[in-house]
C-alpha atoms as a PDB file:
ATOM      1  CA  UNK A   1       2.842   8.023   4.487  1.00  0.00           C
ATOM      2  CA  UNK A   2       5.385   5.203   3.669  1.00  0.00           C
ATOM      3  CA  UNK A   3       9.062   5.796   3.953  1.00  0.00           C
ATOM      4  CA  UNK A   4       9.776   3.354   1.246  1.00  0.00           C
ATOM      5  CA  UNK A   5      10.737   4.491  -2.455  1.00  0.00           C
ATOM      6  CA  UNK A   6      10.921   3.112  -5.754  1.00  0.00           C
ATOM      7  CA  UNK A   7      13.911   3.901  -8.442  1.00  0.00           C
ATOM      8  CA  UNK A   8      12.703   5.734 -11.589  1.00  0.00           C
ATOM      9  CA  UNK A   9      15.501   6.404 -14.094  1.00  0.00           C
ATOM     10  CA  UNK A  10      15.773   9.614 -15.721  1.00  0.00           C
ATOM     11  CA  UNK A  11      15.475   8.320 -19.078  1.00  0.00           C
ATOM     12  CA  UNK A  12      12.134   6.673 -18.248  1.00  0.00           C
ATOM     13  CA  UNK A  13      10.097   9.505 -19.952  1.00  0.00           C
ATOM     14  CA  UNK A  14      11.952   9.110 -23.313  1.00  0.00           C
ATOM     15  CA  UNK A  15      12.529   5.570 -23.269  1.00  0.00           C
ATOM     16  CA  UNK A  16      11.169   3.438 -26.197  1.00  0.00           C
ATOM     17  CA  UNK A  17       9.280   1.127 -23.947  1.00  0.00           C
ATOM     18  CA  UNK A  18       7.363   4.268 -22.559  1.00  0.00           C
ATOM     19  CA  UNK A  19       6.754   5.692 -26.124  1.00  0.00           C
ATOM     20  CA  UNK A  20       5.413   2.096 -27.050  1.00  0.00           C
ATOM     21  CA  UNK A  21       3.139   2.192 -24.085  1.00  0.00           C
ATOM     22  CA  UNK A  22       2.028   5.903 -25.064  1.00  0.00           C
ATOM     23  CA  UNK A  23       1.211   4.570 -28.420  1.00  0.00           C
ATOM     24  CA  UNK A  24      -1.553   2.517 -26.892  1.00  0.00           C
ATOM     25  CA  UNK A  25      -2.503   4.296 -23.696  1.00  0.00           C
ATOM     26  CA  UNK A  26      -1.748   7.939 -24.373  1.00  0.00           C
ATOM     27  CA  UNK A  27      -0.014  10.122 -21.643  1.00  0.00           C
ATOM     28  CA  UNK A  28      -1.371   7.632 -18.923  1.00  0.00           C
ATOM     29  CA  UNK A  29       1.832   5.845 -20.014  1.00  0.00           C
ATOM     30  CA  UNK A  30       3.889   8.323 -17.984  1.00  0.00           C
ATOM     31  CA  UNK A  31       2.332   7.398 -14.561  1.00  0.00           C
ATOM     32  CA  UNK A  32       1.028   3.888 -14.880  1.00  0.00           C
ATOM     33  CA  UNK A  33       4.445   2.156 -14.653  1.00  0.00           C
ATOM     34  CA  UNK A  34       5.624   4.251 -11.621  1.00  0.00           C
ATOM     35  CA  UNK A  35       2.351   3.544  -9.818  1.00  0.00           C
ATOM     36  CA  UNK A  36       2.592  -0.055 -10.425  1.00  0.00           C
ATOM     37  CA  UNK A  37       6.022  -0.063  -9.225  1.00  0.00           C
ATOM     38  CA  UNK A  38       4.853   1.992  -5.961  1.00  0.00           C
ATOM     39  CA  UNK A  39       2.252  -0.581  -5.193  1.00  0.00           C
ATOM     40  CA  UNK A  40       4.510  -3.500  -5.735  1.00  0.00           C
ATOM     41  CA  UNK A  41       7.041  -2.092  -3.356  1.00  0.00           C
ATOM     42  CA  UNK A  42       4.383  -1.981  -0.444  1.00  0.00           C
ATOM     43  CA  UNK A  43       2.320  -4.947  -1.407  1.00  0.00           C
ATOM     44  CA  UNK A  44       4.299  -7.327  -3.741  1.00  0.00           C
ATOM     45  CA  UNK A  45       7.867  -6.947  -3.031  1.00  0.00           C
ATOM     46  CA  UNK A  46       8.759  -9.912  -5.116  1.00  0.00           C
ATOM     47  CA  UNK A  47       7.316  -7.913  -8.137  1.00  0.00           C
ATOM     48  CA  UNK A  48       5.088 -10.920  -8.953  1.00  0.00           C
ATOM     49  CA  UNK A  49       1.140 -10.411  -9.714  1.00  0.00           C
ATOM     50  CA  UNK A  50       0.224 -13.986 -10.976  1.00  0.00           C
ATOM     51  CA  UNK A  51      -2.864 -13.908  -8.659  1.00  0.00           C
ATOM     52  CA  UNK A  52      -3.930 -10.454  -9.944  1.00  0.00           C
ATOM     53  CA  UNK A  53      -6.648  -9.859 -12.531  1.00  0.00           C
ATOM     54  CA  UNK A  54      -6.363  -7.072 -15.004  1.00  0.00           C
ATOM     55  CA  UNK A  55      -9.111  -5.410 -13.284  1.00  0.00           C
ATOM     56  CA  UNK A  56      -7.577  -5.682  -9.836  1.00  0.00           C
ATOM     57  CA  UNK A  57      -4.323  -4.153 -11.093  1.00  0.00           C
ATOM     58  CA  UNK A  58      -6.277  -1.267 -12.911  1.00  0.00           C
ATOM     59  CA  UNK A  59      -8.116  -0.657  -9.802  1.00  0.00           C
ATOM     60  CA  UNK A  60      -5.263  -0.550  -7.359  1.00  0.00           C
ATOM     61  CA  UNK A  61      -3.182   1.919  -9.307  1.00  0.00           C
ATOM     62  CA  UNK A  62      -6.303   4.078 -10.140  1.00  0.00           C
ATOM     63  CA  UNK A  63      -6.348   3.501 -13.954  1.00  0.00           C
ATOM     64  CA  UNK A  64     -10.048   3.891 -15.104  1.00  0.00           C
ATOM     65  CA  UNK A  65      -9.722   2.816 -18.672  1.00  0.00           C
ATOM     66  CA  UNK A  66      -9.694  -0.825 -20.195  1.00  0.00           C
ATOM     67  CA  UNK A  67      -7.938  -2.983 -17.795  1.00  0.00           C
ATOM     68  CA  UNK A  68      -7.079  -5.816 -20.221  1.00  0.00           C
ATOM     69  CA  UNK A  69      -5.848  -3.317 -22.884  1.00  0.00           C
ATOM     70  CA  UNK A  70      -3.729  -1.669 -20.086  1.00  0.00           C
ATOM     71  CA  UNK A  71      -2.114  -5.098 -19.079  1.00  0.00           C
ATOM     72  CA  UNK A  72      -1.583  -6.319 -22.713  1.00  0.00           C
ATOM     73  CA  UNK A  73       0.067  -2.981 -23.522  1.00  0.00           C
ATOM     74  CA  UNK A  74       2.300  -3.147 -20.402  1.00  0.00           C
ATOM     75  CA  UNK A  75       3.242  -6.921 -21.664  1.00  0.00           C
ATOM     76  CA  UNK A  76       3.904  -5.827 -25.367  1.00  0.00           C
ATOM     77  CA  UNK A  77       5.878  -2.783 -24.386  1.00  0.00           C
ATOM     78  CA  UNK A  78       8.074  -4.800 -22.040  1.00  0.00           C
ATOM     79  CA  UNK A  79       7.009  -3.259 -18.581  1.00  0.00           C
ATOM     80  CA  UNK A  80       5.685  -6.514 -17.339  1.00  0.00           C
ATOM     81  CA  UNK A  81       6.579 -10.230 -18.249  1.00  0.00           C
ATOM     82  CA  UNK A  82       4.161 -13.319 -18.421  1.00  0.00           C
ATOM     83  CA  UNK A  83       4.073 -16.756 -16.782  1.00  0.00           C
ATOM     84  CA  UNK A  84       4.028 -15.707 -14.176  1.00  0.00           C
ATOM     85  CA  UNK A  85       2.888 -12.220 -14.572  1.00  0.00           C
ATOM     86  CA  UNK A  86       5.552 -10.039 -12.901  1.00  0.00           C
ATOM     87  CA  UNK A  87       7.098  -6.670 -13.417  1.00  0.00           C
ATOM     88  CA  UNK A  88      10.090  -6.883 -15.882  1.00  0.00           C
ATOM     89  CA  UNK A  89      13.521  -6.921 -14.262  1.00  0.00           C
ATOM     90  CA  UNK A  90      12.083  -6.249 -10.845  1.00  0.00           C
ATOM     91  CA  UNK A  91      14.611  -8.012  -8.928  1.00  0.00           C
ATOM     92  CA  UNK A  92      17.516  -6.130 -10.672  1.00  0.00           C
ATOM     93  CA  UNK A  93      16.107  -2.868 -10.123  1.00  0.00           C
ATOM     94  CA  UNK A  94      14.229  -3.104  -6.971  1.00  0.00           C
ATOM     95  CA  UNK A  95      14.802  -6.376  -5.452  1.00  0.00           C
ATOM     96  CA  UNK A  96      16.072  -5.031  -2.170  1.00  0.00           C
ATOM     97  CA  UNK A  97      12.307  -4.371  -1.237  1.00  0.00           C
ATOM     98  CA  UNK A  98      11.932  -8.252  -1.019  1.00  0.00           C
ATOM     99  CA  UNK A  99      14.749  -8.484   1.040  1.00  0.00           C
ATOM    100  CA  UNK A 100      13.596  -5.772   3.265  1.00  0.00           C
ATOM    101  CA  UNK A 101      10.371  -7.128   3.675  1.00  0.00           C
ATOM    102  CA  UNK A 102      11.590 -10.644   4.644  1.00  0.00           C
ATOM    103  CA  UNK A 103      13.735  -8.839   7.441  1.00  0.00           C
ATOM    104  CA  UNK A 104      11.017  -6.927   8.762  1.00  0.00           C
ATOM    105  CA  UNK A 105       8.790 -10.091   9.011  1.00  0.00           C
ATOM    106  CA  UNK A 106      11.708 -12.018  10.700  1.00  0.00           C
ATOM    107  CA  UNK A 107      12.154  -9.230  13.155  1.00  0.00           C
ATOM    108  CA  UNK A 108       8.419  -8.933  13.915  1.00  0.00           C
ATOM    109  CA  UNK A 109       8.333 -12.836  14.300  1.00  0.00           C
ATOM    110  CA  UNK A 110      11.350 -12.718  16.722  1.00  0.00           C
ATOM    111  CA  UNK A 111       9.891 -10.149  18.822  1.00  0.00           C
ATOM    112  CA  UNK A 112       6.571 -11.974  19.426  1.00  0.00           C
ATOM    113  CA  UNK A 113       8.507 -15.205  20.024  1.00  0.00           C
ATOM    114  CA  UNK A 114      10.821 -13.595  22.308  1.00  0.00           C
ATOM    115  CA  UNK A 115      10.840 -15.572  25.678  1.00  0.00           C
ATOM    116  CA  UNK A 116       9.949 -13.700  28.831  1.00  0.00           C
ATOM    117  CA  UNK A 117      12.614 -12.825  31.563  1.00  0.00           C
ATOM    118  CA  UNK A 118      12.292 -15.676  34.332  1.00  0.00           C
ATOM    119  CA  UNK A 119      10.247 -14.328  37.318  1.00  0.00           C
ATOM    120  CA  UNK A 120       8.473 -11.675  35.161  1.00  0.00           C
ATOM    121  CA  UNK A 121       4.696 -11.876  34.069  1.00  0.00           C
ATOM    122  CA  UNK A 122       3.096 -10.582  30.883  1.00  0.00           C
ATOM    123  CA  UNK A 123       1.293  -7.905  33.156  1.00  0.00           C
ATOM    124  CA  UNK A 124       4.684  -6.890  34.582  1.00  0.00           C
ATOM    125  CA  UNK A 125       6.289  -6.621  31.008  1.00  0.00           C
ATOM    126  CA  UNK A 126       3.277  -4.670  29.788  1.00  0.00           C
ATOM    127  CA  UNK A 127       3.650  -2.264  32.760  1.00  0.00           C
ATOM    128  CA  UNK A 128       7.106  -1.608  31.901  1.00  0.00           C
ATOM    129  CA  UNK A 129       6.418  -1.155  28.378  1.00  0.00           C
ATOM    130  CA  UNK A 130       3.838   1.564  29.198  1.00  0.00           C
ATOM    131  CA  UNK A 131       6.412   3.305  31.543  1.00  0.00           C
ATOM    132  CA  UNK A 132       8.800   3.677  28.682  1.00  0.00           C
ATOM    133  CA  UNK A 133       6.033   4.991  26.428  1.00  0.00           C
ATOM    134  CA  UNK A 134       6.320   1.778  24.533  1.00  0.00           C
ATOM    135  CA  UNK A 135       3.630  -0.550  23.300  1.00  0.00           C
ATOM    136  CA  UNK A 136       3.374  -3.668  21.260  1.00  0.00           C
ATOM    137  CA  UNK A 137       1.672  -1.621  18.394  1.00  0.00           C
ATOM    138  CA  UNK A 138       5.085   0.252  18.153  1.00  0.00           C
ATOM    139  CA  UNK A 139       6.981  -2.782  17.296  1.00  0.00           C
ATOM    140  CA  UNK A 140       8.258  -3.744  13.780  1.00  0.00           C
ATOM    141  CA  UNK A 141       5.033  -5.550  13.233  1.00  0.00           C
ATOM    142  CA  UNK A 142       3.418  -2.043  12.564  1.00  0.00           C
ATOM    143  CA  UNK A 143       5.278  -1.990   9.151  1.00  0.00           C
ATOM    144  CA  UNK A 144       3.650  -5.230   7.862  1.00  0.00           C
ATOM    145  CA  UNK A 145      -0.114  -4.733   6.833  1.00  0.00           C
ATOM    146  CA  UNK A 146      -2.304  -7.225   8.029  1.00  0.00           C
ATOM    147  CA  UNK A 147      -3.212 -10.239   5.827  1.00  0.00           C
ATOM    148  CA  UNK A 148      -6.374  -9.356   3.648  1.00  0.00           C
ATOM    149  CA  UNK A 149      -8.121 -11.083   0.849  1.00  0.00           C
ATOM    150  CA  UNK A 150      -7.753  -9.326  -2.474  1.00  0.00           C
ATOM    151  CA  UNK A 151     -11.292  -8.339  -2.632  1.00  0.00           C
ATOM    152  CA  UNK A 152     -11.283  -6.962   0.837  1.00  0.00           C
ATOM    153  CA  UNK A 153      -8.196  -4.796   0.170  1.00  0.00           C
ATOM    154  CA  UNK A 154      -9.804  -3.669  -2.999  1.00  0.00           C
ATOM    155  CA  UNK A 155     -13.139  -2.695  -1.088  1.00  0.00           C
ATOM    156  CA  UNK A 156     -11.294  -1.045   1.782  1.00  0.00           C
ATOM    157  CA  UNK A 157      -9.206   1.213  -0.708  1.00  0.00           C
ATOM    158  CA  UNK A 158     -12.110   2.238  -2.436  1.00  0.00           C
ATOM    159  CA  UNK A 159     -13.964   3.009   0.447  1.00  0.00           C
ATOM    160  CA  UNK A 160     -11.089   5.192   1.997  1.00  0.00           C
ATOM    161  CA  UNK A 161     -10.947   7.038  -1.397  1.00  0.00           C
ATOM    162  CA  UNK A 162     -14.631   7.814  -1.149  1.00  0.00           C
ATOM    163  CA  UNK A 163     -14.258   8.821   2.654  1.00  0.00           C
ATOM    164  CA  UNK A 164     -11.364  11.122   1.660  1.00  0.00           C
ATOM    165  CA  UNK A 165     -13.459  12.852  -1.079  1.00  0.00           C
ATOM    166  CA  UNK A 166     -16.311  13.428   1.414  1.00  0.00           C
ATOM    167  CA  UNK A 167     -13.907  14.854   4.001  1.00  0.00           C
ATOM    168  CA  UNK A 168     -12.376  17.179   1.477  1.00  0.00           C
ATOM    169  CA  UNK A 169     -15.698  18.359   0.675  1.00  0.00           C
ATOM    170  CA  UNK A 170     -16.630  18.905   4.479  1.00  0.00           C
ATOM    171  CA  UNK A 171     -13.641  20.715   5.144  1.00  0.00           C
ATOM    172  CA  UNK A 172     -12.392  21.079   8.710  1.00  0.00           C
ATOM    173  CA  UNK A 173     -13.990  19.976  11.805  1.00  0.00           C
ATOM    174  CA  UNK A 174     -13.878  23.309  13.190  1.00  0.00           C
ATOM    175  CA  UNK A 175     -15.775  24.719  10.437  1.00  0.00           C
ATOM    176  CA  UNK A 176     -18.977  23.206  11.906  1.00  0.00           C
ATOM    177  CA  UNK A 177     -21.004  23.757  15.182  1.00  0.00           C
ATOM    178  CA  UNK A 178     -20.653  21.139  17.684  1.00  0.00           C
ATOM    179  CA  UNK A 179     -23.509  18.625  17.420  1.00  0.00           C
ATOM    180  CA  UNK A 180     -24.391  19.807  14.082  1.00  0.00           C
ATOM    181  CA  UNK A 181     -25.260  17.319  11.302  1.00  0.00           C
ATOM    182  CA  UNK A 182     -21.918  17.918   9.272  1.00  0.00           C
ATOM    183  CA  UNK A 183     -20.026  17.900  12.457  1.00  0.00           C
ATOM    184  CA  UNK A 184     -21.177  14.538  13.468  1.00  0.00           C
ATOM    185  CA  UNK A 185     -20.770  13.275   9.951  1.00  0.00           C
ATOM    186  CA  UNK A 186     -17.127  14.487  10.115  1.00  0.00           C
ATOM    187  CA  UNK A 187     -16.510  12.427  13.148  1.00  0.00           C
ATOM    188  CA  UNK A 188     -18.179   9.359  11.751  1.00  0.00           C
ATOM    189  CA  UNK A 189     -15.976   9.575   8.582  1.00  0.00           C
ATOM    190  CA  UNK A 190     -12.900  10.215  10.626  1.00  0.00           C
ATOM    191  CA  UNK A 191     -13.416   7.082  12.770  1.00  0.00           C
ATOM    192  CA  UNK A 192     -14.162   4.864   9.722  1.00  0.00           C
ATOM    193  CA  UNK A 193     -11.233   6.258   7.987  1.00  0.00           C
ATOM    194  CA  UNK A 194      -8.928   5.497  11.033  1.00  0.00           C
ATOM    195  CA  UNK A 195     -10.430   1.611  11.164  1.00  0.00           C
ATOM    196  CA  UNK A 196      -9.870   1.254   7.388  1.00  0.00           C
ATOM    197  CA  UNK A 197      -6.099   2.469   7.585  1.00  0.00           C
ATOM    198  CA  UNK A 198      -5.559   0.051  10.489  1.00  0.00           C
ATOM    199  CA  UNK A 199      -6.923  -2.816   8.556  1.00  0.00           C
ATOM    200  CA  UNK A 200      -4.786  -1.790   5.489  1.00  0.00           C
ATOM    201  CA  UNK A 201      -1.709  -1.278   7.623  1.00  0.00           C
ATOM    202  CA  UNK A 202      -1.623   2.404   6.580  1.00  0.00           C
ATOM    203  CA  UNK A 203       0.129   4.671   9.082  1.00  0.00           C
ATOM    204  CA  UNK A 204      -0.684   8.162   7.918  1.00  0.00           C
END
């Protein structure tokens, strides 16, 4: 689970922009903007969605209605701006996420570019890290998701959702006899789930 957060003012649910959005999208208007903001925090910290299609945005936030109508409603109600497509006033209310992301990237780059101590070798340094219970994977770089094409990210996220639903149906691994069909399927799904989370940069 991410330790990042997004600001939602208490007046959001009765704000006239929310009411305008609700007039088109119904009660989905109460969760669509916060879901969009939460996605932006982790994936688009500058709040810009210029290279996203309406279908991609709808899929990523879990909206099953007409994607084009949803996007137009967000634009008309004032939750998003056009040219470039972006979240309205993101920099004013949540711009610190962009700064946080840039600092994390700089920290990761600095770690990887850090010169080795004279007289030491990569193998020696790795051994010292292991002794301290530290690994390269525990560096700040772990908070930065790997670079993926949008189509790949959507595909992985959809597969992760399907795996989660199937695992919910299977129940706990301890519910099945070792070596049984359901037991083996559970192992197969959890292994794939771990692989997908690594590719998406999800830590929990």
